[in-house]
Amino acid sequence: MTCYVYHIHTEGMGLGEGYIGVSVNPKARWAEHKRRKENPYLRNAINKHEVKFDIISVHDTVEDALWQEFTLRPFGRMGWNLVKGGGKPPEMGGWNKGQSASQKTRQKQSEARKGKYGGDNHPRAKKADIYCAKTNSVVAKDVVISVWAKSNGFHQGHLSATARGKLEQHKGLYARYT
């Protein structure tokens, strides 16, 4: 199988700069580089500069092409490359990125999450005091606004807005974070 080593660069860059890659279909790979965003160095270069895509060598085997890539990128973070050459590209987002989980897996995930981060147990839950706007007396003390609002028929977002100072009151109540 024919395999190509390519160089993405700007005018005047040598092989020590820019991006070195390997592909069996360089035209499709170039289109993929322009479309995908997993490499921020390369993405910024494509957006900001007039970059060129040149094939620097053609090989009969993938191993030979990967060896040349390794000789040009023996270390990570050289030029616009994130990892050293000679291997597969880095996996961005995990081994199963883009794959749908089975219904059985989704059910297990759902069961594991139940009750873990809801309401008072959420790590970012902020406690607040709820006051009556007419009498300025405390209606509820040290409650999580979303939980209290849901159980008492009030709008959580509007009560939270009173606590942040964005609204004066909501249905005769206001909240203040403790």
Protein backbone atom coordinates (compact mmCIF):
# COMPACT_ATOMS: atom_id res chain seq x y z
CA MET A 1 0.00 0.00 0.00
CA THR A 2 1.34 3.42 -0.93
CA CYS A 3 1.80 5.72 2.05
CA TYR A 4 2.70 9.41 2.03
CA VAL A 5 4.59 11.63 4.47
CA TYR A 6 3.35 15.20 4.25
CA HIS A 7 4.37 18.59 5.60
CA ILE A 8 1.96 21.41 6.49
CA HIS A 9 3.82 24.70 6.74
CA THR A 10 3.95 28.38 5.90
CA GLU A 11 6.32 30.00 3.42
CA GLY A 12 9.94 29.73 4.53
CA MET A 13 9.48 26.97 7.13
CA GLY A 14 11.84 24.02 7.12
CA LEU A 15 11.08 20.42 8.03
CA GLY A 16 11.83 21.16 11.69
CA GLU A 17 8.81 23.48 11.82
CA GLY A 18 5.18 23.06 10.86
CA TYR A 19 3.35 19.75 10.97
CA ILE A 20 4.54 16.35 9.72
CA GLY A 21 2.02 13.57 9.16
CA VAL A 22 1.46 10.22 7.46
CA SER A 23 -1.51 9.21 5.34
CA VAL A 24 -2.57 6.75 2.65
CA ASN A 25 -4.94 9.40 1.26
CA PRO A 26 -3.26 12.81 1.66
CA LYS A 27 -6.01 14.79 -0.08
CA ALA A 28 -8.67 13.49 2.34
CA ARG A 29 -6.31 13.94 5.30
CA TRP A 30 -5.69 17.58 4.39
CA ALA A 31 -9.45 18.18 4.23
CA GLU A 32 -9.76 16.51 7.64
CA HIS A 33 -7.06 18.75 9.13
CA LYS A 34 -8.92 21.82 7.91
CA ARG A 35 -12.22 20.55 9.32
CA ARG A 36 -11.26 19.02 12.69
CA LYS A 37 -10.17 20.88 15.81
CA GLU A 38 -8.24 18.34 17.90
CA ASN A 39 -4.84 20.01 17.39
CA PRO A 40 -5.04 23.65 18.53
CA TYR A 41 -1.57 24.54 17.17
CA LEU A 42 -2.43 23.33 13.69
CA ARG A 43 -5.96 24.75 13.85
CA ASN A 44 -4.65 28.24 14.74
CA ALA A 45 -2.03 28.08 12.00
CA ILE A 46 -4.63 27.14 9.37
CA ASN A 47 -6.94 29.94 10.54
CA LYS A 48 -4.28 32.67 10.82
CA HIS A 49 -1.77 31.97 8.06
CA GLU A 50 -1.66 30.88 4.48
CA VAL A 51 -0.46 27.32 4.95
CA LYS A 52 0.80 24.88 2.33
CA PHE A 53 0.37 21.12 2.17
CA ASP A 54 3.29 19.33 0.52
CA ILE A 55 4.02 15.64 0.13
CA ILE A 56 7.66 15.14 1.06
CA SER A 57 8.00 11.39 0.40
CA VAL A 58 6.16 8.32 -0.89
CA HIS A 59 6.66 4.89 0.69
CA ASP A 60 5.62 1.33 -0.16
CA THR A 61 4.77 0.43 3.43
CA VAL A 62 3.19 2.25 6.35
CA GLU A 63 6.12 1.23 8.58
CA ASP A 64 8.61 3.04 6.33
CA ALA A 65 6.46 6.19 6.33
CA LEU A 66 6.05 6.06 10.11
CA TRP A 67 9.82 5.67 10.48
CA GLN A 68 10.45 8.80 8.43
CA GLU A 69 7.83 10.66 10.48
CA PHE A 70 9.62 9.54 13.65
CA THR A 71 12.99 10.77 12.34
CA LEU A 72 11.44 14.19 11.63
CA ARG A 73 9.42 14.33 14.91
CA PRO A 74 11.35 12.28 17.53
CA PHE A 75 9.77 14.25 20.40
CA GLY A 76 6.32 15.53 21.24
CA ARG A 77 5.44 19.20 20.81
CA MET A 78 7.80 19.77 17.91
CA GLY A 79 6.52 22.30 15.43
CA TRP A 80 2.74 22.01 15.30
CA ASN A 81 2.76 18.29 16.19
CA LEU A 82 1.41 17.38 19.62
CA VAL A 83 3.05 13.94 19.93
CA LYS A 84 6.19 12.34 18.59
CA GLY A 85 6.01 10.75 15.17
CA GLY A 86 6.04 7.11 14.24
CA GLY A 87 2.77 6.04 15.82
CA LYS A 88 -0.95 6.55 15.73
CA PRO A 89 -2.28 10.06 16.32
CA PRO A 90 -3.34 10.87 19.89
CA GLU A 91 -6.86 9.93 20.85
CA MET A 92 -8.79 13.07 21.69
CA GLY A 93 -11.77 12.49 23.92
CA GLY A 94 -11.29 8.86 24.93
CA TRP A 95 -11.42 5.47 23.32
CA ASN A 96 -15.14 5.55 22.61
CA LYS A 97 -15.59 9.10 21.35
CA GLY A 98 -18.45 9.24 18.89
CA GLN A 99 -19.81 5.80 19.75
CA SER A 100 -23.25 5.39 21.27
CA ALA A 101 -23.49 3.38 24.46
CA SER A 102 -25.82 0.40 24.51
CA GLN A 103 -29.18 0.70 26.26
CA LYS A 104 -27.93 -1.62 29.02
CA THR A 105 -24.86 0.60 29.62
CA ARG A 106 -26.97 3.75 29.62
CA GLN A 107 -29.31 2.18 32.21
CA LYS A 108 -26.33 1.29 34.45
CA GLN A 109 -25.00 4.85 34.16
CA SER A 110 -28.39 6.27 35.03
CA GLU A 111 -28.73 4.03 38.10
CA ALA A 112 -25.24 5.00 39.27
CA ARG A 113 -26.07 8.72 39.06
CA LYS A 114 -29.46 8.58 40.80
CA GLY A 115 -29.42 10.56 44.02
CA LYS A 116 -25.73 11.30 43.75
CA TYR A 117 -25.71 14.92 42.60
CA GLY A 118 -29.30 16.03 42.93
CA GLY A 119 -30.54 18.84 45.13
CA ASP A 120 -28.71 19.24 48.45
CA ASN A 121 -26.03 16.68 47.53
CA HIS A 122 -24.69 18.56 44.53
CA PRO A 123 -21.11 19.75 45.15
CA ARG A 124 -21.91 23.25 43.86
CA ALA A 125 -25.25 23.61 45.70
CA LYS A 126 -25.36 26.95 47.50
CA LYS A 127 -27.50 27.43 50.58
CA ALA A 128 -29.79 30.42 50.84
CA ASP A 129 -32.40 31.98 53.08
CA ILE A 130 -35.83 32.74 51.60
CA TYR A 131 -37.62 35.88 52.86
CA CYS A 132 -41.13 37.32 52.56
CA ALA A 133 -40.89 40.64 50.70
CA LYS A 134 -43.70 42.33 52.67
CA THR A 135 -42.57 41.50 56.19
CA ASN A 136 -38.86 40.74 55.58
CA SER A 137 -39.31 37.64 57.76
CA VAL A 138 -37.54 34.35 57.06
CA VAL A 139 -39.70 31.81 55.24
CA ALA A 140 -36.99 29.15 54.91
CA LYS A 141 -33.47 29.03 56.30
CA ASP A 142 -30.39 27.28 54.82
CA VAL A 143 -32.10 25.67 51.82
CA VAL A 144 -30.99 24.98 48.28
CA ILE A 145 -33.10 27.31 46.13
CA SER A 146 -33.79 24.77 43.38
CA VAL A 147 -35.02 22.10 45.81
CA TRP A 148 -37.12 24.49 47.90
CA ALA A 149 -38.63 26.24 44.85
CA LYS A 150 -39.62 22.96 43.21
CA SER A 151 -41.29 21.58 46.33
CA ASN A 152 -43.16 24.86 47.01
CA GLY A 153 -44.31 25.75 43.48
CA PHE A 154 -41.93 28.64 42.75
CA HIS A 155 -39.63 29.20 39.78
CA GLN A 156 -36.07 28.25 40.73
CA GLY A 157 -34.45 30.58 38.18
CA HIS A 158 -36.42 33.61 39.35
CA LEU A 159 -35.68 32.96 43.03
CA SER A 160 -31.98 32.48 42.19
CA ALA A 161 -32.08 35.80 40.34
CA THR A 162 -33.30 37.50 43.53
CA ALA A 163 -30.38 35.97 45.43
CA ARG A 164 -27.93 37.29 42.82
CA GLY A 165 -29.54 40.74 42.89
CA LYS A 166 -30.90 40.58 39.34
CA LEU A 167 -34.56 40.67 40.50
CA GLU A 168 -36.02 42.41 43.53
CA GLN A 169 -38.60 39.71 44.26
CA HIS A 170 -40.50 36.77 42.84
CA LYS A 171 -44.13 36.20 43.85
CA GLY A 172 -43.63 38.13 47.07
CA LEU A 173 -40.38 36.34 48.03
CA TYR A 174 -36.69 37.03 47.72
CA ALA A 175 -33.60 34.99 48.53
CA ARG A 176 -30.12 35.73 49.88
CA TYR A 177 -27.21 33.32 49.71
CA THR A 178 -25.77 32.43 53.11
